Amino acid sequence: MALDLGGLLSKYLNLPAGQQAPDAEDHFDQVAQHAPPEVLGQGISDALRSDSTPPLGQMVSDVYAKAEPHEQAGMLNQILGSLGPGVLSSLGGGALGGLLGQLGGQLAGSGAPRITPQQASQISPQQVQDLANHAEQHDSGIFDKLGSFYAQNPQLVKTLGTAALTIAMANIAGRMKR
């Protein structure tokens, strides 16, 4: 039986603000398999920006804590890619500062270091939260970058919780309706 994507998403178009859909996680799985990746990414970005979800740094930190090292590296690389070398060089202290110091040679060439899964596993969720907060202050495009990354890794989005999933689904529904 074929999925009625429009019918499924229509359930999210008229949800009252703040109401969570109890089946959002299952529905998100279905939508992630059938919706265009750019629409999925935009819906996730909208959820990350929403005033009805926790601050970006907290959400990214929560997802990071539950992610596999290769996913953690991908998240970190998205965040680091949004920060210029000047911002990166100002981040010191702790494992993150030490890691960025070790990667300093890469900064001169490409503008942003590339974190490996092994390196990512050495960075704490709190450090990722701090880094995401810096990124949010310096590049409003970080929401879209993370939204696109999460669209490619939809299993991570489900760790954001029902409220964020409901918001993402409502925004995906609105974009698909256009």
C-alpha atoms as a PDB file:
ATOM      1  CA  MET A   1       0.000   0.000   0.000  1.00  0.00           C
ATOM      2  CA  ALA A   2       1.402   3.373  -1.034  1.00  0.00           C
ATOM      3  CA  LEU A   3       1.883   6.091   1.555  1.00  0.00           C
ATOM      4  CA  ASP A   4      -0.541   9.010   1.283  1.00  0.00           C
ATOM      5  CA  LEU A   5       2.058  11.624   2.173  1.00  0.00           C
ATOM      6  CA  GLY A   6      -0.365  14.516   1.706  1.00  0.00           C
ATOM      7  CA  GLY A   7      -2.963  12.866   3.914  1.00  0.00           C
ATOM      8  CA  LEU A   8      -0.434  12.100   6.608  1.00  0.00           C
ATOM      9  CA  LEU A   9       0.957  15.633   6.599  1.00  0.00           C
ATOM     10  CA  SER A  10      -2.499  17.246   6.554  1.00  0.00           C
ATOM     11  CA  LYS A  11      -2.913  16.067  10.160  1.00  0.00           C
ATOM     12  CA  TYR A  12      -0.180  18.531  11.110  1.00  0.00           C
ATOM     13  CA  LEU A  13      -1.415  21.595   9.233  1.00  0.00           C
ATOM     14  CA  ASN A  14      -4.091  22.656  11.699  1.00  0.00           C
ATOM     15  CA  LEU A  15      -2.662  21.499  15.006  1.00  0.00           C
ATOM     16  CA  PRO A  16      -3.108  24.151  17.678  1.00  0.00           C
ATOM     17  CA  ALA A  17       0.160  25.813  18.715  1.00  0.00           C
ATOM     18  CA  GLY A  18       1.895  23.797  21.389  1.00  0.00           C
ATOM     19  CA  GLN A  19      -0.113  20.630  20.811  1.00  0.00           C
ATOM     20  CA  GLN A  20       2.056  17.585  20.279  1.00  0.00           C
ATOM     21  CA  ALA A  21       1.091  14.805  17.906  1.00  0.00           C
ATOM     22  CA  PRO A  22       1.325  11.449  19.683  1.00  0.00           C
ATOM     23  CA  ASP A  23       2.390   9.615  16.502  1.00  0.00           C
ATOM     24  CA  ALA A  24       4.938  12.222  15.399  1.00  0.00           C
ATOM     25  CA  GLU A  25       7.901   9.847  15.656  1.00  0.00           C
ATOM     26  CA  ASP A  26       6.309   7.157  13.478  1.00  0.00           C
ATOM     27  CA  HIS A  27       4.996   9.739  11.034  1.00  0.00           C
ATOM     28  CA  PHE A  28       8.395  11.393  10.816  1.00  0.00           C
ATOM     29  CA  ASP A  29       9.954   8.054   9.840  1.00  0.00           C
ATOM     30  CA  GLN A  30       7.477   7.772   6.984  1.00  0.00           C
ATOM     31  CA  VAL A  31       7.892  11.367   5.845  1.00  0.00           C
ATOM     32  CA  ALA A  32      11.696  11.135   6.005  1.00  0.00           C
ATOM     33  CA  GLN A  33      11.565   8.279   3.510  1.00  0.00           C
ATOM     34  CA  HIS A  34       9.245  10.035   1.047  1.00  0.00           C
ATOM     35  CA  ALA A  35       9.583  13.817   1.295  1.00  0.00           C
ATOM     36  CA  PRO A  36      12.150  15.688  -0.797  1.00  0.00           C
ATOM     37  CA  PRO A  37      15.367  16.073   1.263  1.00  0.00           C
ATOM     38  CA  GLU A  38      15.411  19.855   0.914  1.00  0.00           C
ATOM     39  CA  VAL A  39      11.841  20.118   2.251  1.00  0.00           C
ATOM     40  CA  LEU A  40      12.701  17.758   5.102  1.00  0.00           C
ATOM     41  CA  GLY A  41      15.779  19.838   5.957  1.00  0.00           C
ATOM     42  CA  GLN A  42      13.809  23.090   5.875  1.00  0.00           C
ATOM     43  CA  GLY A  43      11.142  21.650   8.173  1.00  0.00           C
ATOM     44  CA  ILE A  44      13.805  20.503  10.623  1.00  0.00           C
ATOM     45  CA  SER A  45      15.502  23.927  10.429  1.00  0.00           C
ATOM     46  CA  ASP A  46      12.176  25.559  11.255  1.00  0.00           C
ATOM     47  CA  ALA A  47      11.827  23.329  14.323  1.00  0.00           C
ATOM     48  CA  LEU A  48      15.355  24.230  15.452  1.00  0.00           C
ATOM     49  CA  ARG A  49      14.496  27.952  15.120  1.00  0.00           C
ATOM     50  CA  SER A  50      11.120  27.686  16.829  1.00  0.00           C
ATOM     51  CA  ASP A  51      10.405  29.542  20.044  1.00  0.00           C
ATOM     52  CA  SER A  52       8.492  26.404  21.104  1.00  0.00           C
ATOM     53  CA  THR A  53      11.647  24.280  21.250  1.00  0.00           C
ATOM     54  CA  PRO A  54      14.669  24.608  23.542  1.00  0.00           C
ATOM     55  CA  PRO A  55      17.595  26.815  22.477  1.00  0.00           C
ATOM     56  CA  LEU A  56      19.698  25.520  19.588  1.00  0.00           C
ATOM     57  CA  GLY A  57      22.735  24.719  21.729  1.00  0.00           C
ATOM     58  CA  GLN A  58      20.693  22.581  24.095  1.00  0.00           C
ATOM     59  CA  MET A  59      19.017  20.640  21.283  1.00  0.00           C
ATOM     60  CA  VAL A  60      22.294  20.041  19.447  1.00  0.00           C
ATOM     61  CA  SER A  61      23.948  18.950  22.691  1.00  0.00           C
ATOM     62  CA  ASP A  62      21.107  16.510  23.438  1.00  0.00           C
ATOM     63  CA  VAL A  63      21.292  14.991  19.954  1.00  0.00           C
ATOM     64  CA  TYR A  64      25.099  14.852  20.130  1.00  0.00           C
ATOM     65  CA  ALA A  65      24.971  12.918  23.406  1.00  0.00           C
ATOM     66  CA  LYS A  66      22.854  10.212  21.746  1.00  0.00           C
ATOM     67  CA  ALA A  67      24.677  10.118  18.403  1.00  0.00           C
ATOM     68  CA  GLU A  68      27.288   7.676  17.143  1.00  0.00           C
ATOM     69  CA  PRO A  69      30.853   9.061  16.732  1.00  0.00           C
ATOM     70  CA  HIS A  70      30.528   9.415  12.934  1.00  0.00           C
ATOM     71  CA  GLU A  71      27.297  11.382  13.423  1.00  0.00           C
ATOM     72  CA  GLN A  72      28.948  13.493  16.113  1.00  0.00           C
ATOM     73  CA  ALA A  73      31.776  14.294  13.702  1.00  0.00           C
ATOM     74  CA  GLY A  74      29.273  15.302  11.042  1.00  0.00           C
ATOM     75  CA  MET A  75      27.463  17.602  13.456  1.00  0.00           C
ATOM     76  CA  LEU A  76      30.707  19.184  14.634  1.00  0.00           C
ATOM     77  CA  ASN A  77      31.883  19.703  11.064  1.00  0.00           C
ATOM     78  CA  GLN A  78      28.629  21.515  10.225  1.00  0.00           C
ATOM     79  CA  ILE A  79      29.036  23.779  13.243  1.00  0.00           C
ATOM     80  CA  LEU A  80      32.752  24.421  12.702  1.00  0.00           C
ATOM     81  CA  GLY A  81      32.107  25.134   9.036  1.00  0.00           C
ATOM     82  CA  SER A  82      29.791  27.970  10.014  1.00  0.00           C
ATOM     83  CA  LEU A  83      32.426  29.695  12.140  1.00  0.00           C
ATOM     84  CA  GLY A  84      35.220  31.730  10.642  1.00  0.00           C
ATOM     85  CA  PRO A  85      38.866  31.158  11.585  1.00  0.00           C
ATOM     86  CA  GLY A  86      38.794  34.208  13.879  1.00  0.00           C
ATOM     87  CA  VAL A  87      35.952  32.785  15.944  1.00  0.00           C
ATOM     88  CA  LEU A  88      37.550  29.350  15.998  1.00  0.00           C
ATOM     89  CA  SER A  89      40.860  30.731  17.221  1.00  0.00           C
ATOM     90  CA  SER A  90      39.075  32.557  20.053  1.00  0.00           C
ATOM     91  CA  LEU A  91      37.638  29.289  21.398  1.00  0.00           C
ATOM     92  CA  GLY A  92      40.110  27.992  23.916  1.00  0.00           C
ATOM     93  CA  GLY A  93      40.212  25.706  26.874  1.00  0.00           C
ATOM     94  CA  GLY A  94      39.239  22.135  27.488  1.00  0.00           C
ATOM     95  CA  ALA A  95      39.311  19.282  25.034  1.00  0.00           C
ATOM     96  CA  LEU A  96      37.668  21.403  22.350  1.00  0.00           C
ATOM     97  CA  GLY A  97      40.300  24.133  22.587  1.00  0.00           C
ATOM     98  CA  GLY A  98      43.061  21.523  22.591  1.00  0.00           C
ATOM     99  CA  LEU A  99      41.551  19.769  19.597  1.00  0.00           C
ATOM    100  CA  LEU A 100      41.165  23.013  17.691  1.00  0.00           C
ATOM    101  CA  GLY A 101      44.767  23.836  18.571  1.00  0.00           C
ATOM    102  CA  GLN A 102      45.899  20.505  17.129  1.00  0.00           C
ATOM    103  CA  LEU A 103      43.900  21.252  13.994  1.00  0.00           C
ATOM    104  CA  GLY A 104      45.276  24.780  13.719  1.00  0.00           C
ATOM    105  CA  GLY A 105      47.298  23.927  10.645  1.00  0.00           C
ATOM    106  CA  GLN A 106      44.112  22.992   8.831  1.00  0.00           C
ATOM    107  CA  LEU A 107      42.585  26.387   9.573  1.00  0.00           C
ATOM    108  CA  ALA A 108      45.034  28.204   7.349  1.00  0.00           C
ATOM    109  CA  GLY A 109      44.272  26.078   4.315  1.00  0.00           C
ATOM    110  CA  SER A 110      40.577  25.303   4.235  1.00  0.00           C
ATOM    111  CA  GLY A 111      39.091  27.751   6.718  1.00  0.00           C
ATOM    112  CA  ALA A 112      37.518  25.050   8.898  1.00  0.00           C
ATOM    113  CA  PRO A 113      38.977  21.933  10.465  1.00  0.00           C
ATOM    114  CA  ARG A 114      37.544  18.493   9.739  1.00  0.00           C
ATOM    115  CA  ILE A 115      36.787  16.497  12.846  1.00  0.00           C
ATOM    116  CA  THR A 116      37.072  12.709  12.714  1.00  0.00           C
ATOM    117  CA  PRO A 117      34.753  10.347  14.603  1.00  0.00           C
ATOM    118  CA  GLN A 118      37.589   9.517  16.990  1.00  0.00           C
ATOM    119  CA  GLN A 119      38.170  13.196  17.718  1.00  0.00           C
ATOM    120  CA  ALA A 120      34.431  13.846  18.074  1.00  0.00           C
ATOM    121  CA  SER A 121      34.136  11.173  20.738  1.00  0.00           C
ATOM    122  CA  GLN A 122      36.547  13.243  22.878  1.00  0.00           C
ATOM    123  CA  ILE A 123      34.288  16.309  22.872  1.00  0.00           C
ATOM    124  CA  SER A 124      31.623  16.581  25.567  1.00  0.00           C
ATOM    125  CA  PRO A 125      27.995  17.486  24.893  1.00  0.00           C
ATOM    126  CA  GLN A 126      28.505  20.638  27.002  1.00  0.00           C
ATOM    127  CA  GLN A 127      31.367  21.728  24.733  1.00  0.00           C
ATOM    128  CA  VAL A 128      29.182  21.080  21.703  1.00  0.00           C
ATOM    129  CA  GLN A 129      26.437  23.171  23.292  1.00  0.00           C
ATOM    130  CA  ASP A 130      28.903  26.030  23.780  1.00  0.00           C
ATOM    131  CA  LEU A 131      30.130  25.686  20.213  1.00  0.00           C
ATOM    132  CA  ALA A 132      26.569  25.651  18.821  1.00  0.00           C
ATOM    133  CA  ASN A 133      25.759  28.761  20.862  1.00  0.00           C
ATOM    134  CA  HIS A 134      28.792  30.512  19.324  1.00  0.00           C
ATOM    135  CA  ALA A 135      27.721  29.398  15.874  1.00  0.00           C
ATOM    136  CA  GLU A 136      24.194  30.718  16.405  1.00  0.00           C
ATOM    137  CA  GLN A 137      25.606  34.128  17.376  1.00  0.00           C
ATOM    138  CA  HIS A 138      27.902  34.311  14.344  1.00  0.00           C
ATOM    139  CA  ASP A 139      25.959  32.602  11.552  1.00  0.00           C
ATOM    140  CA  SER A 140      22.173  32.455  11.353  1.00  0.00           C
ATOM    141  CA  GLY A 141      22.655  29.898   8.556  1.00  0.00           C
ATOM    142  CA  ILE A 142      23.672  27.297  11.148  1.00  0.00           C
ATOM    143  CA  PHE A 143      20.003  26.321  11.495  1.00  0.00           C
ATOM    144  CA  ASP A 144      19.825  25.461   7.795  1.00  0.00           C
ATOM    145  CA  LYS A 145      23.166  23.652   7.830  1.00  0.00           C
ATOM    146  CA  LEU A 146      22.117  21.482  10.754  1.00  0.00           C
ATOM    147  CA  GLY A 147      18.644  20.996   9.249  1.00  0.00           C
ATOM    148  CA  SER A 148      20.217  19.669   6.048  1.00  0.00           C
ATOM    149  CA  PHE A 149      22.574  17.430   8.006  1.00  0.00           C
ATOM    150  CA  TYR A 150      19.730  16.057  10.118  1.00  0.00           C
ATOM    151  CA  ALA A 151      17.643  15.466   6.971  1.00  0.00           C
ATOM    152  CA  GLN A 152      20.439  13.148   5.815  1.00  0.00           C
ATOM    153  CA  ASN A 153      20.460  11.501   9.252  1.00  0.00           C
ATOM    154  CA  PRO A 154      16.757  11.418  10.205  1.00  0.00           C
ATOM    155  CA  GLN A 155      17.280   8.956  13.053  1.00  0.00           C
ATOM    156  CA  LEU A 156      18.969  11.824  14.925  1.00  0.00           C
ATOM    157  CA  VAL A 157      15.921  14.068  14.574  1.00  0.00           C
ATOM    158  CA  LYS A 158      13.799  11.627  16.528  1.00  0.00           C
ATOM    159  CA  THR A 159      15.983  12.261  19.579  1.00  0.00           C
ATOM    160  CA  LEU A 160      14.797  15.906  19.626  1.00  0.00           C
ATOM    161  CA  GLY A 161      11.477  14.839  21.137  1.00  0.00           C
ATOM    162  CA  THR A 162       7.822  14.948  20.198  1.00  0.00           C
ATOM    163  CA  ALA A 163       7.448  18.745  20.374  1.00  0.00           C
ATOM    164  CA  ALA A 164      10.256  19.376  17.887  1.00  0.00           C
ATOM    165  CA  LEU A 165       9.050  16.546  15.639  1.00  0.00           C
ATOM    166  CA  THR A 166       5.514  17.957  15.639  1.00  0.00           C
ATOM    167  CA  ILE A 167       6.827  21.404  14.693  1.00  0.00           C
ATOM    168  CA  ALA A 168       9.027  19.924  11.968  1.00  0.00           C
ATOM    169  CA  MET A 169       6.107  17.918  10.585  1.00  0.00           C
ATOM    170  CA  ALA A 170       3.817  20.972  10.584  1.00  0.00           C
ATOM    171  CA  ASN A 171       6.433  22.980   8.686  1.00  0.00           C
ATOM    172  CA  ILE A 172       7.077  20.158   6.236  1.00  0.00           C
ATOM    173  CA  ALA A 173       3.317  19.927   5.680  1.00  0.00           C
ATOM    174  CA  GLY A 174       3.135  23.653   4.991  1.00  0.00           C
ATOM    175  CA  ARG A 175       6.018  23.496   2.528  1.00  0.00           C
ATOM    176  CA  MET A 176       4.615  20.462   0.721  1.00  0.00           C
ATOM    177  CA  LYS A 177       1.229  22.181   0.401  1.00  0.00           C
ATOM    178  CA  ARG A 178       2.743  25.130  -1.496  1.00  0.00           C
END
